[in-house]
């Protein structure tokens, strides 16, 4: 059914529809914005991988991290509040 899913004439029709919908002036701006977004996404994923690399080196492998999930929120130690002392200065 989808053996020849995207043929050259399909691409030509898509280009014509895009030009008619958005106009020839808007398309370069949209492509530029998409390019910037992709670069930012690529840089962020690279930074995340670099941040994870030292942690994996210290703890062994990524599998050991998967076995010990981190809590979503750090626990807080709750202590019982003491009642304030009543002063008898009149």
Foldseek 3Di string as FASTA:
>chain_A
DCPVVDDPVNVVVVVVVVCVVQNPVVVVVVVVVVVVVVVVVVVVVVVVVVVVVVVCVVPPHVVVDVVPDDDPDDDDDDDDDDDDDDDPDD
